[in-house]
Amino acid sequence: MDQVTPSLIALQLVTGVALGAVYALLAVGLSLIFGMLTVVNFAHGAFFMVGAFLGVYFQALTGSFFLSLLITPLAVGSIGLLCERFLVRPLYGRGIDYPLLLTFGLSYVLIEGIRMIFGIEGMPSSTPTALRGAVDLGFGHFPLYRLVLILATAVVVAALWLFIEKTRYGLIIRAGSRDPEIVRVLGIDVSRVWWMVFGIGTAIAGLSGVLAAPTRAVNAEMGITVLAESFVVTVVGGMGSLPGAVVAGLLVGIVFSLTSLLAPDLAELSIFVLMALVLLVRPQGLFGKAGLMS
C-alpha cells in the first residue's frame, strides 16, 4: 500500500475508463437490442468474438487496421441480420424465454464455426503500428491506443444517440419499441425496423471486438467471459437503457481497475459485488424502468 501514489491511482483510473469503454460499447449493443426488441441476446458475446477474429483477419488481408475497423462491423452486422430474419423473428410474441434459449444455442454455433475456420488456438493480435507508444498525461505515461479506444467509444455512442433521438428512422424505432401496433396502422413494416435494430446491435458488438482485440487474447472462448461482464454492466445500468449502459460500463471498468491495484485477488469478484449493491438499492438498475422485464 505504501507504493500506491496519487499518480498511480490516477493512471489506474484512466485505465479503468479505457476498460469501461469496451464494456460500455458492448453493453450499448446489448441494451439496444433488449430495449427495442425485448430480446435477451445471449449470443452477444459470440458476436463480439466473431468481430475480434474478423478484425484480425481483415487487418492481415488488407494491411490496414482502420479499413478492418470499417469492414468488420458490416460483416458482423450482416451475420446478425441473417440470424434475426431466419432464427429470431419467428419467435417474437412467444415469450422472452424462447429467443433467450435460441441465442444461447446460437452462441455455441458461432464459437464452433470460428474454431472450424480459424482453428482452436486463436489468432495473434497486436496494437496497430500507427497507434503504438504512450502519451504523457502529466501524472504518467498512458498507452496511445487505449486513449483512442476511449475516443472511438465516445464517437460511436454519440452517433448512435443522434441517430435514435434526432432522425426520422430513430423516431420510428422508438415508436416501434413502445407500441408496434400503432406503427403498423401507420403503414410501417415493424419487422423491418426490428431487423435493422438487431443488425445495428450486432454490428456494435463486432466493432467492440475489433477495438478490444489488440488489448486481449483473441480466441474462441473470449466472448464467454465478456458476455458475463456485459450483462453485469447492462443490469447495473438498467436493462434497455443506453445512457445506463455507458455510465455503468465506465463505473464497472473503474471499479475493476482500482480493485486490481489494491486487491488483485478480488478484482473479478468486485464487479459482481457492485451489481449486488446497486440492485439492493435500485432493483431496476441505475437508469432502468421498473417492470420492463414483465
C-alpha atoms as a PDB file:
ATOM      1  CA  MET A   1       0.000   0.000   0.000  1.00  0.00           C
ATOM      2  CA  ASP A   2       2.975   2.320   0.587  1.00  0.00           C
ATOM      3  CA  GLN A   3       3.719   2.189  -3.149  1.00  0.00           C
ATOM      4  CA  VAL A   4       0.213   3.405  -4.073  1.00  0.00           C
ATOM      5  CA  THR A   5       0.775   7.032  -5.018  1.00  0.00           C
ATOM      6  CA  PRO A   6      -1.741   9.615  -6.305  1.00  0.00           C
ATOM      7  CA  SER A   7      -0.146   9.382  -9.768  1.00  0.00           C
ATOM      8  CA  LEU A   8      -0.560   5.616  -9.795  1.00  0.00           C
ATOM      9  CA  ILE A   9      -4.212   5.911  -8.748  1.00  0.00           C
ATOM     10  CA  ALA A  10      -4.808   8.498 -11.482  1.00  0.00           C
ATOM     11  CA  LEU A  11      -3.264   6.203 -14.097  1.00  0.00           C
ATOM     12  CA  GLN A  12      -5.357   3.333 -12.810  1.00  0.00           C
ATOM     13  CA  LEU A  13      -8.488   5.473 -13.092  1.00  0.00           C
ATOM     14  CA  VAL A  14      -7.721   6.233 -16.740  1.00  0.00           C
ATOM     15  CA  THR A  15      -7.047   2.526 -17.280  1.00  0.00           C
ATOM     16  CA  GLY A  16     -10.463   1.811 -15.792  1.00  0.00           C
ATOM     17  CA  VAL A  17     -12.090   4.300 -18.154  1.00  0.00           C
ATOM     18  CA  ALA A  18     -10.401   2.588 -21.125  1.00  0.00           C
ATOM     19  CA  LEU A  19     -11.564  -0.821 -19.918  1.00  0.00           C
ATOM     20  CA  GLY A  20     -15.000   0.585 -19.196  1.00  0.00           C
ATOM     21  CA  ALA A  21     -15.176   1.965 -22.751  1.00  0.00           C
ATOM     22  CA  VAL A  22     -15.119  -1.607 -24.105  1.00  0.00           C
ATOM     23  CA  TYR A  23     -17.739  -2.680 -21.554  1.00  0.00           C
ATOM     24  CA  ALA A  24     -19.894   0.322 -22.399  1.00  0.00           C
ATOM     25  CA  LEU A  25     -19.724  -0.208 -26.156  1.00  0.00           C
ATOM     26  CA  LEU A  26     -20.597  -3.874 -25.804  1.00  0.00           C
ATOM     27  CA  ALA A  27     -23.413  -3.156 -23.359  1.00  0.00           C
ATOM     28  CA  VAL A  28     -24.834  -0.432 -25.626  1.00  0.00           C
ATOM     29  CA  GLY A  29     -25.416  -3.025 -28.360  1.00  0.00           C
ATOM     30  CA  LEU A  30     -26.910  -5.446 -25.852  1.00  0.00           C
ATOM     31  CA  SER A  31     -29.179  -2.775 -24.361  1.00  0.00           C
ATOM     32  CA  LEU A  32     -30.234  -1.553 -27.803  1.00  0.00           C
ATOM     33  CA  ILE A  33     -31.474  -5.000 -28.779  1.00  0.00           C
ATOM     34  CA  PHE A  34     -33.227  -5.576 -25.466  1.00  0.00           C
ATOM     35  CA  GLY A  35     -34.660  -2.072 -25.168  1.00  0.00           C
ATOM     36  CA  MET A  36     -36.129  -2.062 -28.674  1.00  0.00           C
ATOM     37  CA  LEU A  37     -36.936  -5.770 -29.215  1.00  0.00           C
ATOM     38  CA  THR A  38     -37.142  -7.144 -25.634  1.00  0.00           C
ATOM     39  CA  VAL A  39     -34.749  -9.890 -26.726  1.00  0.00           C
ATOM     40  CA  VAL A  40     -32.106 -11.026 -24.237  1.00  0.00           C
ATOM     41  CA  ASN A  41     -29.316 -11.760 -26.709  1.00  0.00           C
ATOM     42  CA  PHE A  42     -27.094 -14.440 -25.194  1.00  0.00           C
ATOM     43  CA  ALA A  43     -25.132 -14.603 -28.468  1.00  0.00           C
ATOM     44  CA  HIS A  44     -23.860 -11.053 -27.981  1.00  0.00           C
ATOM     45  CA  GLY A  45     -20.522 -12.225 -26.576  1.00  0.00           C
ATOM     46  CA  ALA A  46     -20.149 -14.583 -29.533  1.00  0.00           C
ATOM     47  CA  PHE A  47     -20.710 -11.704 -31.971  1.00  0.00           C
ATOM     48  CA  PHE A  48     -18.010  -9.801 -30.054  1.00  0.00           C
ATOM     49  CA  MET A  49     -15.686 -12.767 -30.512  1.00  0.00           C
ATOM     50  CA  VAL A  50     -16.505 -13.036 -34.229  1.00  0.00           C
ATOM     51  CA  GLY A  51     -15.720  -9.327 -34.573  1.00  0.00           C
ATOM     52  CA  ALA A  52     -12.316  -9.811 -32.944  1.00  0.00           C
ATOM     53  CA  PHE A  53     -11.427 -12.706 -35.267  1.00  0.00           C
ATOM     54  CA  LEU A  54     -12.664 -10.968 -38.411  1.00  0.00           C
ATOM     55  CA  GLY A  55     -10.927  -7.769 -37.361  1.00  0.00           C
ATOM     56  CA  VAL A  56      -7.565  -9.540 -37.109  1.00  0.00           C
ATOM     57  CA  TYR A  57      -8.238 -11.431 -40.358  1.00  0.00           C
ATOM     58  CA  PHE A  58      -9.225  -8.339 -42.367  1.00  0.00           C
ATOM     59  CA  GLN A  59      -6.290  -6.403 -40.944  1.00  0.00           C
ATOM     60  CA  ALA A  60      -3.914  -9.108 -42.171  1.00  0.00           C
ATOM     61  CA  LEU A  61      -5.729  -9.284 -45.511  1.00  0.00           C
ATOM     62  CA  THR A  62      -5.801  -5.538 -46.217  1.00  0.00           C
ATOM     63  CA  GLY A  63      -2.780  -4.421 -44.199  1.00  0.00           C
ATOM     64  CA  SER A  64      -4.872  -1.665 -42.598  1.00  0.00           C
ATOM     65  CA  PHE A  65      -6.363  -1.639 -39.102  1.00  0.00           C
ATOM     66  CA  PHE A  66      -8.610   1.293 -39.982  1.00  0.00           C
ATOM     67  CA  LEU A  67     -10.025  -0.461 -43.057  1.00  0.00           C
ATOM     68  CA  SER A  68     -10.677  -3.517 -40.892  1.00  0.00           C
ATOM     69  CA  LEU A  69     -12.446  -1.202 -38.447  1.00  0.00           C
ATOM     70  CA  LEU A  70     -14.911  -0.317 -41.219  1.00  0.00           C
ATOM     71  CA  ILE A  71     -15.357  -3.754 -42.810  1.00  0.00           C
ATOM     72  CA  THR A  72     -15.733  -5.907 -39.699  1.00  0.00           C
ATOM     73  CA  PRO A  73     -18.849  -4.255 -38.172  1.00  0.00           C
ATOM     74  CA  LEU A  74     -20.555  -4.516 -41.569  1.00  0.00           C
ATOM     75  CA  ALA A  75     -19.688  -8.219 -41.785  1.00  0.00           C
ATOM     76  CA  VAL A  76     -20.800  -8.994 -38.220  1.00  0.00           C
ATOM     77  CA  GLY A  77     -23.933  -6.872 -38.649  1.00  0.00           C
ATOM     78  CA  SER A  78     -24.785  -8.846 -41.806  1.00  0.00           C
ATOM     79  CA  ILE A  79     -24.495 -12.096 -39.847  1.00  0.00           C
ATOM     80  CA  GLY A  80     -26.780 -10.560 -37.226  1.00  0.00           C
ATOM     81  CA  LEU A  81     -29.329  -9.596 -39.897  1.00  0.00           C
ATOM     82  CA  LEU A  82     -29.430 -13.176 -41.179  1.00  0.00           C
ATOM     83  CA  CYS A  83     -29.809 -14.551 -37.646  1.00  0.00           C
ATOM     84  CA  GLU A  84     -32.671 -12.170 -36.877  1.00  0.00           C
ATOM     85  CA  ARG A  85     -34.508 -12.867 -40.122  1.00  0.00           C
ATOM     86  CA  PHE A  86     -34.359 -16.645 -40.068  1.00  0.00           C
ATOM     87  CA  LEU A  87     -33.900 -17.567 -36.399  1.00  0.00           C
ATOM     88  CA  VAL A  88     -35.078 -14.853 -34.000  1.00  0.00           C
ATOM     89  CA  ARG A  89     -38.020 -13.362 -35.922  1.00  0.00           C
ATOM     90  CA  PRO A  90     -40.211 -16.496 -35.824  1.00  0.00           C
ATOM     91  CA  LEU A  91     -40.021 -16.384 -32.012  1.00  0.00           C
ATOM     92  CA  TYR A  92     -41.401 -12.864 -31.497  1.00  0.00           C
ATOM     93  CA  GLY A  93     -44.513 -12.899 -29.341  1.00  0.00           C
ATOM     94  CA  ARG A  94     -43.785 -16.306 -27.804  1.00  0.00           C
ATOM     95  CA  GLY A  95     -42.316 -15.023 -24.563  1.00  0.00           C
ATOM     96  CA  ILE A  96     -38.871 -13.816 -23.554  1.00  0.00           C
ATOM     97  CA  ASP A  97     -37.531 -17.323 -22.885  1.00  0.00           C
ATOM     98  CA  TYR A  98     -37.666 -18.519 -26.498  1.00  0.00           C
ATOM     99  CA  PRO A  99     -35.222 -16.050 -28.073  1.00  0.00           C
ATOM    100  CA  LEU A 100     -33.056 -16.277 -24.948  1.00  0.00           C
ATOM    101  CA  LEU A 101     -32.625 -20.042 -25.373  1.00  0.00           C
ATOM    102  CA  LEU A 102     -32.173 -19.717 -29.128  1.00  0.00           C
ATOM    103  CA  THR A 103     -29.420 -17.098 -28.832  1.00  0.00           C
ATOM    104  CA  PHE A 104     -27.778 -19.189 -26.111  1.00  0.00           C
ATOM    105  CA  GLY A 105     -27.530 -22.073 -28.580  1.00  0.00           C
ATOM    106  CA  LEU A 106     -26.521 -19.709 -31.388  1.00  0.00           C
ATOM    107  CA  SER A 107     -23.514 -18.563 -29.361  1.00  0.00           C
ATOM    108  CA  TYR A 108     -22.133 -22.112 -29.329  1.00  0.00           C
ATOM    109  CA  VAL A 109     -22.776 -22.473 -33.054  1.00  0.00           C
ATOM    110  CA  LEU A 110     -20.742 -19.313 -33.691  1.00  0.00           C
ATOM    111  CA  ILE A 111     -17.965 -20.477 -31.376  1.00  0.00           C
ATOM    112  CA  GLU A 112     -17.663 -23.840 -33.103  1.00  0.00           C
ATOM    113  CA  GLY A 113     -17.872 -22.174 -36.516  1.00  0.00           C
ATOM    114  CA  ILE A 114     -14.922 -19.919 -35.647  1.00  0.00           C
ATOM    115  CA  ARG A 115     -12.955 -22.908 -34.384  1.00  0.00           C
ATOM    116  CA  MET A 116     -13.566 -24.741 -37.659  1.00  0.00           C
ATOM    117  CA  ILE A 117     -12.460 -21.764 -39.759  1.00  0.00           C
ATOM    118  CA  PHE A 118      -9.578 -20.291 -37.735  1.00  0.00           C
ATOM    119  CA  GLY A 119      -8.537 -23.225 -35.554  1.00  0.00           C
ATOM    120  CA  ILE A 120      -8.755 -23.841 -31.820  1.00  0.00           C
ATOM    121  CA  GLU A 121      -5.620 -21.934 -30.787  1.00  0.00           C
ATOM    122  CA  GLY A 122      -6.893 -18.459 -31.657  1.00  0.00           C
ATOM    123  CA  MET A 123      -5.118 -15.722 -33.604  1.00  0.00           C
ATOM    124  CA  PRO A 124      -2.238 -13.409 -32.665  1.00  0.00           C
ATOM    125  CA  SER A 125      -3.148  -9.757 -32.316  1.00  0.00           C
ATOM    126  CA  SER A 126      -1.111  -6.630 -31.683  1.00  0.00           C
ATOM    127  CA  THR A 127      -1.568  -2.874 -31.441  1.00  0.00           C
ATOM    128  CA  PRO A 128      -1.573  -1.163 -34.867  1.00  0.00           C
ATOM    129  CA  THR A 129       1.811   0.399 -35.639  1.00  0.00           C
ATOM    130  CA  ALA A 130       0.369   3.894 -36.035  1.00  0.00           C
ATOM    131  CA  LEU A 131      -1.234   3.739 -32.588  1.00  0.00           C
ATOM    132  CA  ARG A 132       1.688   2.398 -30.578  1.00  0.00           C
ATOM    133  CA  GLY A 133       3.532   4.411 -27.990  1.00  0.00           C
ATOM    134  CA  ALA A 134       2.444   6.385 -24.952  1.00  0.00           C
ATOM    135  CA  VAL A 135       1.125   9.839 -24.182  1.00  0.00           C
ATOM    136  CA  ASP A 136       2.268  11.957 -21.238  1.00  0.00           C
ATOM    137  CA  LEU A 137      -0.859  12.873 -19.255  1.00  0.00           C
ATOM    138  CA  GLY A 138       1.022  14.926 -16.684  1.00  0.00           C
ATOM    139  CA  PHE A 139       0.751  12.313 -13.940  1.00  0.00           C
ATOM    140  CA  GLY A 140       2.254   9.494 -16.012  1.00  0.00           C
ATOM    141  CA  HIS A 141       2.506   7.948 -19.459  1.00  0.00           C
ATOM    142  CA  PHE A 142      -0.520   6.124 -20.845  1.00  0.00           C
ATOM    143  CA  PRO A 143      -0.787   3.898 -23.957  1.00  0.00           C
ATOM    144  CA  LEU A 144      -1.962   5.850 -27.001  1.00  0.00           C
ATOM    145  CA  TYR A 145      -4.158   3.005 -28.230  1.00  0.00           C
ATOM    146  CA  ARG A 146      -6.227   2.968 -25.052  1.00  0.00           C
ATOM    147  CA  LEU A 147      -6.870   6.699 -25.387  1.00  0.00           C
ATOM    148  CA  VAL A 148      -8.010   6.089 -28.976  1.00  0.00           C
ATOM    149  CA  LEU A 149     -10.267   3.350 -27.629  1.00  0.00           C
ATOM    150  CA  ILE A 150     -11.953   5.831 -25.289  1.00  0.00           C
ATOM    151  CA  LEU A 151     -12.374   8.362 -28.100  1.00  0.00           C
ATOM    152  CA  ALA A 152     -13.781   5.754 -30.506  1.00  0.00           C
ATOM    153  CA  THR A 153     -16.346   4.664 -27.938  1.00  0.00           C
ATOM    154  CA  ALA A 154     -17.423   8.264 -27.343  1.00  0.00           C
ATOM    155  CA  VAL A 155     -17.848   8.830 -31.098  1.00  0.00           C
ATOM    156  CA  VAL A 156     -19.906   5.639 -31.610  1.00  0.00           C
ATOM    157  CA  VAL A 157     -22.166   6.325 -28.617  1.00  0.00           C
ATOM    158  CA  ALA A 158     -22.732   9.934 -29.719  1.00  0.00           C
ATOM    159  CA  ALA A 159     -23.521   8.857 -33.292  1.00  0.00           C
ATOM    160  CA  LEU A 160     -25.960   6.201 -32.062  1.00  0.00           C
ATOM    161  CA  TRP A 161     -27.699   8.706 -29.777  1.00  0.00           C
ATOM    162  CA  LEU A 162     -28.051  11.225 -32.607  1.00  0.00           C
ATOM    163  CA  PHE A 163     -29.438   8.520 -34.898  1.00  0.00           C
ATOM    164  CA  ILE A 164     -32.049   7.322 -32.401  1.00  0.00           C
ATOM    165  CA  GLU A 165     -33.045  10.704 -30.986  1.00  0.00           C
ATOM    166  CA  LYS A 166     -32.697  13.096 -33.929  1.00  0.00           C
ATOM    167  CA  THR A 167     -33.596  11.191 -37.096  1.00  0.00           C
ATOM    168  CA  ARG A 168     -36.904  10.117 -38.587  1.00  0.00           C
ATOM    169  CA  TYR A 169     -35.869   6.474 -38.618  1.00  0.00           C
ATOM    170  CA  GLY A 170     -34.803   6.740 -34.998  1.00  0.00           C
ATOM    171  CA  LEU A 171     -38.268   8.039 -34.156  1.00  0.00           C
ATOM    172  CA  ILE A 172     -39.805   5.040 -35.928  1.00  0.00           C
ATOM    173  CA  ILE A 173     -37.531   2.684 -33.965  1.00  0.00           C
ATOM    174  CA  ARG A 174     -38.545   4.246 -30.641  1.00  0.00           C
ATOM    175  CA  ALA A 175     -42.217   4.192 -31.577  1.00  0.00           C
ATOM    176  CA  GLY A 176     -41.998   0.587 -32.747  1.00  0.00           C
ATOM    177  CA  SER A 177     -40.484  -0.495 -29.449  1.00  0.00           C
ATOM    178  CA  ARG A 178     -43.261   1.156 -27.424  1.00  0.00           C
ATOM    179  CA  ASP A 179     -46.383   0.492 -29.495  1.00  0.00           C
ATOM    180  CA  PRO A 180     -45.778  -1.684 -32.588  1.00  0.00           C
ATOM    181  CA  GLU A 181     -49.497  -1.948 -33.361  1.00  0.00           C
ATOM    182  CA  ILE A 182     -49.878   1.806 -33.861  1.00  0.00           C
ATOM    183  CA  VAL A 183     -46.789   1.828 -36.055  1.00  0.00           C
ATOM    184  CA  ARG A 184     -48.294  -0.945 -38.187  1.00  0.00           C
ATOM    185  CA  VAL A 185     -51.516   1.018 -38.522  1.00  0.00           C
ATOM    186  CA  LEU A 186     -49.458   3.903 -39.916  1.00  0.00           C
ATOM    187  CA  GLY A 187     -48.258   1.598 -42.686  1.00  0.00           C
ATOM    188  CA  ILE A 188     -44.739   0.950 -41.389  1.00  0.00           C
ATOM    189  CA  ASP A 189     -43.284  -2.566 -41.518  1.00  0.00           C
ATOM    190  CA  VAL A 190     -42.247  -3.058 -37.887  1.00  0.00           C
ATOM    191  CA  SER A 191     -40.448  -6.305 -38.687  1.00  0.00           C
ATOM    192  CA  ARG A 192     -38.005  -4.395 -40.900  1.00  0.00           C
ATOM    193  CA  VAL A 193     -37.414  -1.887 -38.095  1.00  0.00           C
ATOM    194  CA  TRP A 194     -36.618  -4.648 -35.609  1.00  0.00           C
ATOM    195  CA  TRP A 195     -34.446  -6.345 -38.250  1.00  0.00           C
ATOM    196  CA  MET A 196     -32.349  -3.207 -38.579  1.00  0.00           C
ATOM    197  CA  VAL A 197     -32.092  -2.752 -34.803  1.00  0.00           C
ATOM    198  CA  PHE A 198     -30.770  -6.290 -34.365  1.00  0.00           C
ATOM    199  CA  GLY A 199     -28.270  -5.674 -37.152  1.00  0.00           C
ATOM    200  CA  ILE A 200     -27.053  -2.432 -35.555  1.00  0.00           C
ATOM    201  CA  GLY A 201     -26.718  -4.101 -32.151  1.00  0.00           C
ATOM    202  CA  THR A 202     -24.651  -6.985 -33.513  1.00  0.00           C
ATOM    203  CA  ALA A 203     -22.544  -4.608 -35.633  1.00  0.00           C
ATOM    204  CA  ILE A 204     -21.684  -2.674 -32.453  1.00  0.00           C
ATOM    205  CA  ALA A 205     -20.695  -5.967 -30.810  1.00  0.00           C
ATOM    206  CA  GLY A 206     -18.439  -6.688 -33.786  1.00  0.00           C
ATOM    207  CA  LEU A 207     -16.910  -3.209 -33.541  1.00  0.00           C
ATOM    208  CA  SER A 208     -16.257  -3.811 -29.841  1.00  0.00           C
ATOM    209  CA  GLY A 209     -14.408  -6.987 -30.759  1.00  0.00           C
ATOM    210  CA  VAL A 210     -12.193  -5.203 -33.300  1.00  0.00           C
ATOM    211  CA  LEU A 211     -11.297  -2.457 -30.836  1.00  0.00           C
ATOM    212  CA  ALA A 212     -10.685  -4.874 -27.957  1.00  0.00           C
ATOM    213  CA  ALA A 213      -8.610  -7.382 -29.971  1.00  0.00           C
ATOM    214  CA  PRO A 214      -5.248  -5.579 -29.539  1.00  0.00           C
ATOM    215  CA  THR A 215      -5.744  -5.489 -25.760  1.00  0.00           C
ATOM    216  CA  ARG A 216      -6.606  -9.144 -25.118  1.00  0.00           C
ATOM    217  CA  ALA A 217      -6.111 -12.700 -26.362  1.00  0.00           C
ATOM    218  CA  VAL A 218      -8.187 -13.483 -29.450  1.00  0.00           C
ATOM    219  CA  ASN A 219      -9.640 -16.973 -29.032  1.00  0.00           C
ATOM    220  CA  ALA A 220     -12.997 -18.676 -29.458  1.00  0.00           C
ATOM    221  CA  GLU A 221     -13.779 -18.540 -25.723  1.00  0.00           C
ATOM    222  CA  MET A 222     -13.164 -14.799 -25.300  1.00  0.00           C
ATOM    223  CA  GLY A 223     -16.844 -13.982 -25.763  1.00  0.00           C
ATOM    224  CA  ILE A 224     -17.992 -16.141 -22.850  1.00  0.00           C
ATOM    225  CA  THR A 225     -16.265 -14.079 -20.150  1.00  0.00           C
ATOM    226  CA  VAL A 226     -17.067 -10.759 -21.766  1.00  0.00           C
ATOM    227  CA  LEU A 227     -20.755 -11.742 -22.055  1.00  0.00           C
ATOM    228  CA  ALA A 228     -20.999 -12.148 -18.281  1.00  0.00           C
ATOM    229  CA  GLU A 229     -19.272  -8.793 -17.790  1.00  0.00           C
ATOM    230  CA  SER A 230     -21.508  -7.051 -20.326  1.00  0.00           C
ATOM    231  CA  PHE A 231     -24.624  -8.420 -18.621  1.00  0.00           C
ATOM    232  CA  VAL A 232     -23.327  -7.076 -15.306  1.00  0.00           C
ATOM    233  CA  VAL A 233     -22.947  -3.671 -16.961  1.00  0.00           C
ATOM    234  CA  THR A 234     -26.407  -3.900 -18.529  1.00  0.00           C
ATOM    235  CA  VAL A 235     -28.054  -4.878 -15.234  1.00  0.00           C
ATOM    236  CA  VAL A 236     -26.211  -2.181 -13.263  1.00  0.00           C
ATOM    237  CA  GLY A 237     -27.136   0.490 -15.794  1.00  0.00           C
ATOM    238  CA  GLY A 238     -30.689  -0.769 -16.239  1.00  0.00           C
ATOM    239  CA  MET A 239     -31.959  -3.214 -18.862  1.00  0.00           C
ATOM    240  CA  GLY A 240     -32.640  -1.407 -22.120  1.00  0.00           C
ATOM    241  CA  SER A 241     -31.109   1.927 -21.057  1.00  0.00           C
ATOM    242  CA  LEU A 242     -28.422   3.262 -23.405  1.00  0.00           C
ATOM    243  CA  PRO A 243     -27.251   6.044 -21.012  1.00  0.00           C
ATOM    244  CA  GLY A 244     -27.227   3.433 -18.258  1.00  0.00           C
ATOM    245  CA  ALA A 245     -25.008   1.136 -20.353  1.00  0.00           C
ATOM    246  CA  VAL A 246     -22.448   3.917 -20.841  1.00  0.00           C
ATOM    247  CA  VAL A 247     -22.382   5.082 -17.208  1.00  0.00           C
ATOM    248  CA  ALA A 248     -22.363   1.528 -15.831  1.00  0.00           C
ATOM    249  CA  GLY A 249     -19.665   0.434 -18.279  1.00  0.00           C
ATOM    250  CA  LEU A 250     -17.327   3.174 -17.102  1.00  0.00           C
ATOM    251  CA  LEU A 251     -18.219   2.521 -13.467  1.00  0.00           C
ATOM    252  CA  VAL A 252     -17.561  -1.225 -13.758  1.00  0.00           C
ATOM    253  CA  GLY A 253     -14.272  -0.583 -15.559  1.00  0.00           C
ATOM    254  CA  ILE A 254     -13.076   1.823 -12.861  1.00  0.00           C
ATOM    255  CA  VAL A 255     -14.117  -0.496 -10.013  1.00  0.00           C
ATOM    256  CA  PHE A 256     -12.337  -3.445 -11.661  1.00  0.00           C
ATOM    257  CA  SER A 257      -9.208  -1.385 -12.330  1.00  0.00           C
ATOM    258  CA  LEU A 258      -8.930   0.080  -8.825  1.00  0.00           C
ATOM    259  CA  THR A 259      -9.604  -3.297  -7.217  1.00  0.00           C
ATOM    260  CA  SER A 260      -6.880  -4.819  -9.402  1.00  0.00           C
ATOM    261  CA  LEU A 261      -4.468  -2.268  -7.931  1.00  0.00           C
ATOM    262  CA  LEU A 262      -5.495  -2.539  -4.287  1.00  0.00           C
ATOM    263  CA  ALA A 263      -6.659  -6.172  -4.020  1.00  0.00           C
ATOM    264  CA  PRO A 264      -5.891  -8.115  -7.235  1.00  0.00           C
ATOM    265  CA  ASP A 265      -7.430 -11.362  -5.981  1.00  0.00           C
ATOM    266  CA  LEU A 266     -10.811  -9.653  -5.593  1.00  0.00           C
ATOM    267  CA  ALA A 267     -10.878  -7.894  -8.974  1.00  0.00           C
ATOM    268  CA  GLU A 268     -13.174 -10.401 -10.700  1.00  0.00           C
ATOM    269  CA  LEU A 269     -15.486 -10.511  -7.690  1.00  0.00           C
ATOM    270  CA  SER A 270     -15.660  -6.734  -7.328  1.00  0.00           C
ATOM    271  CA  ILE A 271     -17.934  -6.118 -10.332  1.00  0.00           C
ATOM    272  CA  PHE A 272     -20.463  -8.665  -9.075  1.00  0.00           C
ATOM    273  CA  VAL A 273     -20.387  -7.079  -5.627  1.00  0.00           C
ATOM    274  CA  LEU A 274     -21.061  -3.743  -7.333  1.00  0.00           C
ATOM    275  CA  MET A 275     -24.015  -5.261  -9.166  1.00  0.00           C
ATOM    276  CA  ALA A 276     -25.432  -6.700  -5.938  1.00  0.00           C
ATOM    277  CA  LEU A 277     -25.137  -3.365  -4.130  1.00  0.00           C
ATOM    278  CA  VAL A 278     -26.832  -1.474  -6.970  1.00  0.00           C
ATOM    279  CA  LEU A 279     -29.683  -3.986  -7.160  1.00  0.00           C
ATOM    280  CA  LEU A 280     -30.233  -3.783  -3.406  1.00  0.00           C
ATOM    281  CA  VAL A 281     -30.792  -0.037  -3.721  1.00  0.00           C
ATOM    282  CA  ARG A 282     -32.402   0.053  -7.196  1.00  0.00           C
ATOM    283  CA  PRO A 283     -33.661  -3.349  -8.399  1.00  0.00           C
ATOM    284  CA  GLN A 284     -34.233  -1.918 -11.905  1.00  0.00           C
ATOM    285  CA  GLY A 285     -30.653  -0.606 -12.182  1.00  0.00           C
ATOM    286  CA  LEU A 286     -29.331   2.952 -12.162  1.00  0.00           C
ATOM    287  CA  PHE A 287     -31.306   4.153 -15.214  1.00  0.00           C
ATOM    288  CA  GLY A 288     -33.724   1.272 -15.728  1.00  0.00           C
ATOM    289  CA  LYS A 289     -37.504   1.329 -15.583  1.00  0.00           C
ATOM    290  CA  ALA A 290     -39.377  -0.893 -13.157  1.00  0.00           C
ATOM    291  CA  GLY A 291     -41.448  -3.635 -14.770  1.00  0.00           C
ATOM    292  CA  LEU A 292     -39.586  -3.696 -18.079  1.00  0.00           C
ATOM    293  CA  MET A 293     -38.961  -7.439 -17.883  1.00  0.00           C
ATOM    294  CA  SER A 294     -42.603  -8.242 -17.213  1.00  0.00           C
END
